[in-house]
Amino acid sequence: MSFQSYLDNIEKKTGNSPSDFQKLAAAKNLTEGDKVKAGVKAGEIVAWLKEDYDLGHGHAMAIYAYLNGKRS
């Protein structure tokens, strides 16, 4: 599955686009600009996405990668 396919499937499941997740993460003080904030671990973001959005590990890691600046 391509990175874009992961993002498309996440949007279908949650109704949130990757840019929506960027805003949600910023509101939770997890990101700074277009990167994950220093000191924030992947596991913290993955746990948030699993708990609040019922994402699996792979899909949560795709959002983590997006939050860290990967766009394609």
N, C-alpha and C. Protein backbone atom coordinates (compact mmCIF):
# COMPACT_ATOMS: atom_id res chain seq x y z
N MET A 1 0.85 -1.18 0.00
CA MET A 1 0.00 0.00 0.00
C MET A 1 0.90 1.24 0.00
N SER A 2 0.58 2.19 -0.86
CA SER A 2 1.37 3.41 -0.92
C SER A 2 1.03 4.33 0.25
N PHE A 3 1.92 5.26 0.49
CA PHE A 3 1.72 6.24 1.56
C PHE A 3 0.41 6.99 1.33
N GLN A 4 0.15 7.40 0.09
CA GLN A 4 -1.07 8.14 -0.22
C GLN A 4 -2.31 7.28 0.03
N SER A 5 -2.21 5.98 -0.25
CA SER A 5 -3.34 5.08 0.02
C SER A 5 -3.65 5.03 1.51
N TYR A 6 -2.61 4.99 2.33
CA TYR A 6 -2.81 5.03 3.78
C TYR A 6 -3.57 6.29 4.16
N LEU A 7 -3.12 7.44 3.66
CA LEU A 7 -3.77 8.71 4.00
C LEU A 7 -5.21 8.74 3.51
N ASP A 8 -5.46 8.23 2.30
CA ASP A 8 -6.82 8.21 1.76
C ASP A 8 -7.73 7.33 2.63
N ASN A 9 -7.23 6.17 3.03
CA ASN A 9 -8.02 5.27 3.87
C ASN A 9 -8.30 5.87 5.25
N ILE A 10 -7.34 6.58 5.79
CA ILE A 10 -7.53 7.24 7.08
C ILE A 10 -8.63 8.29 6.98
N GLU A 11 -8.61 9.06 5.89
CA GLU A 11 -9.63 10.09 5.71
C GLU A 11 -11.02 9.46 5.55
N LYS A 12 -11.10 8.36 4.81
CA LYS A 12 -12.39 7.67 4.66
C LYS A 12 -12.90 7.17 6.01
N LYS A 13 -12.00 6.64 6.83
CA LYS A 13 -12.40 6.07 8.12
C LYS A 13 -12.78 7.14 9.14
N THR A 14 -12.00 8.21 9.20
CA THR A 14 -12.17 9.19 10.27
C THR A 14 -12.92 10.46 9.85
N GLY A 15 -12.92 10.74 8.54
CA GLY A 15 -13.49 12.00 8.08
C GLY A 15 -12.52 13.16 8.21
N ASN A 16 -11.30 12.87 8.65
CA ASN A 16 -10.27 13.91 8.81
C ASN A 16 -9.18 13.74 7.77
N SER A 17 -8.85 14.84 7.12
CA SER A 17 -7.75 14.84 6.16
C SER A 17 -6.43 14.92 6.92
N PRO A 18 -5.33 14.65 6.24
CA PRO A 18 -4.04 14.81 6.90
C PRO A 18 -3.84 16.22 7.46
N SER A 19 -4.28 17.23 6.71
CA SER A 19 -4.13 18.59 7.23
C SER A 19 -5.02 18.83 8.46
N ASP A 20 -6.16 18.14 8.53
CA ASP A 20 -6.98 18.20 9.75
C ASP A 20 -6.20 17.64 10.94
N PHE A 21 -5.53 16.50 10.71
CA PHE A 21 -4.73 15.91 11.79
C PHE A 21 -3.58 16.84 12.19
N GLN A 22 -3.03 17.58 11.23
CA GLN A 22 -1.98 18.55 11.54
C GLN A 22 -2.52 19.59 12.52
N LYS A 23 -3.73 20.07 12.26
CA LYS A 23 -4.35 21.07 13.13
C LYS A 23 -4.70 20.48 14.50
N LEU A 24 -5.23 19.25 14.49
CA LEU A 24 -5.57 18.58 15.75
C LEU A 24 -4.33 18.35 16.61
N ALA A 25 -3.23 17.94 15.98
CA ALA A 25 -1.98 17.72 16.71
C ALA A 25 -1.43 19.03 17.26
N ALA A 26 -1.55 20.10 16.49
CA ALA A 26 -1.09 21.42 16.96
C ALA A 26 -1.91 21.85 18.17
N ALA A 27 -3.21 21.60 18.12
CA ALA A 27 -4.09 21.96 19.24
C ALA A 27 -3.74 21.18 20.51
N LYS A 28 -3.21 19.96 20.33
CA LYS A 28 -2.78 19.15 21.46
C LYS A 28 -1.32 19.44 21.84
N ASN A 29 -0.72 20.43 21.19
CA ASN A 29 0.66 20.84 21.46
C ASN A 29 1.68 19.73 21.15
N LEU A 30 1.39 18.94 20.10
CA LEU A 30 2.28 17.85 19.70
C LEU A 30 3.20 18.25 18.54
N THR A 31 2.83 19.32 17.83
CA THR A 31 3.62 19.75 16.69
C THR A 31 3.99 21.22 16.82
N GLU A 32 4.98 21.56 16.03
CA GLU A 32 5.46 22.94 15.96
C GLU A 32 5.76 23.20 14.50
N GLY A 33 5.01 24.07 13.86
CA GLY A 33 5.17 24.26 12.42
C GLY A 33 4.73 23.00 11.70
N ASP A 34 5.60 22.49 10.83
CA ASP A 34 5.24 21.28 10.09
C ASP A 34 6.01 20.05 10.57
N LYS A 35 6.44 20.07 11.84
CA LYS A 35 7.19 18.95 12.42
C LYS A 35 6.65 18.60 13.80
N VAL A 36 6.89 17.36 14.18
CA VAL A 36 6.56 16.94 15.53
C VAL A 36 7.48 17.70 16.49
N LYS A 37 6.92 18.17 17.56
CA LYS A 37 7.66 18.96 18.55
C LYS A 37 8.79 18.14 19.17
N ALA A 38 9.90 18.77 19.41
CA ALA A 38 11.04 18.10 20.05
C ALA A 38 10.59 17.50 21.38
N GLY A 39 10.97 16.27 21.61
CA GLY A 39 10.63 15.59 22.84
C GLY A 39 9.34 14.78 22.78
N VAL A 40 8.54 14.99 21.73
CA VAL A 40 7.32 14.20 21.57
C VAL A 40 7.69 12.92 20.84
N LYS A 41 7.39 11.80 21.44
CA LYS A 41 7.73 10.49 20.88
C LYS A 41 6.63 10.00 19.95
N ALA A 42 7.02 9.19 19.00
CA ALA A 42 6.06 8.59 18.07
C ALA A 42 4.98 7.83 18.83
N GLY A 43 5.38 7.12 19.88
CA GLY A 43 4.43 6.34 20.65
C GLY A 43 3.31 7.18 21.26
N GLU A 44 3.62 8.41 21.64
CA GLU A 44 2.61 9.30 22.20
C GLU A 44 1.56 9.66 21.14
N ILE A 45 2.02 9.95 19.95
CA ILE A 45 1.11 10.30 18.87
C ILE A 45 0.32 9.07 18.43
N VAL A 46 0.98 7.94 18.30
CA VAL A 46 0.30 6.70 17.92
C VAL A 46 -0.78 6.34 18.94
N ALA A 47 -0.48 6.46 20.22
CA ALA A 47 -1.46 6.16 21.26
C ALA A 47 -2.67 7.08 21.15
N TRP A 48 -2.45 8.36 20.92
CA TRP A 48 -3.54 9.33 20.75
C TRP A 48 -4.42 8.93 19.56
N LEU A 49 -3.80 8.61 18.44
CA LEU A 49 -4.55 8.28 17.23
C LEU A 49 -5.31 6.96 17.37
N LYS A 50 -4.71 6.00 18.07
CA LYS A 50 -5.40 4.72 18.31
C LYS A 50 -6.60 4.93 19.22
N GLU A 51 -6.41 5.69 20.28
CA GLU A 51 -7.47 5.89 21.27
C GLU A 51 -8.61 6.76 20.74
N ASP A 52 -8.26 7.89 20.15
CA ASP A 52 -9.29 8.85 19.74
C ASP A 52 -9.89 8.55 18.37
N TYR A 53 -9.15 7.88 17.49
CA TYR A 53 -9.62 7.69 16.11
C TYR A 53 -9.65 6.22 15.68
N ASP A 54 -9.33 5.33 16.59
CA ASP A 54 -9.38 3.89 16.33
C ASP A 54 -8.53 3.48 15.13
N LEU A 55 -7.39 4.14 14.96
CA LEU A 55 -6.48 3.79 13.88
C LEU A 55 -5.60 2.63 14.30
N GLY A 56 -5.24 1.80 13.35
CA GLY A 56 -4.27 0.76 13.60
C GLY A 56 -2.87 1.34 13.64
N HIS A 57 -1.92 0.53 14.03
CA HIS A 57 -0.55 1.02 14.18
C HIS A 57 0.02 1.60 12.88
N GLY A 58 -0.14 0.87 11.78
CA GLY A 58 0.41 1.34 10.50
C GLY A 58 -0.20 2.65 10.04
N HIS A 59 -1.50 2.79 10.20
CA HIS A 59 -2.16 4.03 9.80
C HIS A 59 -1.76 5.18 10.72
N ALA A 60 -1.63 4.90 12.01
CA ALA A 60 -1.19 5.93 12.95
C ALA A 60 0.24 6.38 12.63
N MET A 61 1.09 5.44 12.24
CA MET A 61 2.46 5.80 11.87
C MET A 61 2.49 6.62 10.58
N ALA A 62 1.54 6.39 9.69
CA ALA A 62 1.45 7.22 8.47
C ALA A 62 1.13 8.66 8.85
N ILE A 63 0.22 8.85 9.79
CA ILE A 63 -0.08 10.21 10.25
C ILE A 63 1.13 10.80 10.96
N TYR A 64 1.81 10.01 11.75
CA TYR A 64 3.03 10.49 12.41
C TYR A 64 4.04 10.96 11.36
N ALA A 65 4.23 10.18 10.31
CA ALA A 65 5.15 10.58 9.23
C ALA A 65 4.69 11.87 8.58
N TYR A 66 3.39 11.99 8.34
CA TYR A 66 2.85 13.23 7.76
C TYR A 66 3.13 14.41 8.70
N LEU A 67 2.89 14.22 9.98
CA LEU A 67 3.11 15.29 10.95
C LEU A 67 4.59 15.69 11.01
N ASN A 68 5.45 14.76 10.63
CA ASN A 68 6.88 15.02 10.66
C ASN A 68 7.41 15.55 9.33
N GLY A 69 6.50 15.88 8.42
CA GLY A 69 6.90 16.54 7.19
C GLY A 69 6.86 15.70 5.94
N LYS A 70 6.57 14.40 6.05
CA LYS A 70 6.48 13.57 4.85
C LYS A 70 5.16 13.91 4.16
N ARG A 71 5.24 14.24 2.90
CA ARG A 71 4.04 14.62 2.17
C ARG A 71 3.75 13.77 0.94
N SER A 72 4.65 12.85 0.59
CA SER A 72 4.38 11.96 -0.55
C SER A 72 5.17 10.69 -0.42
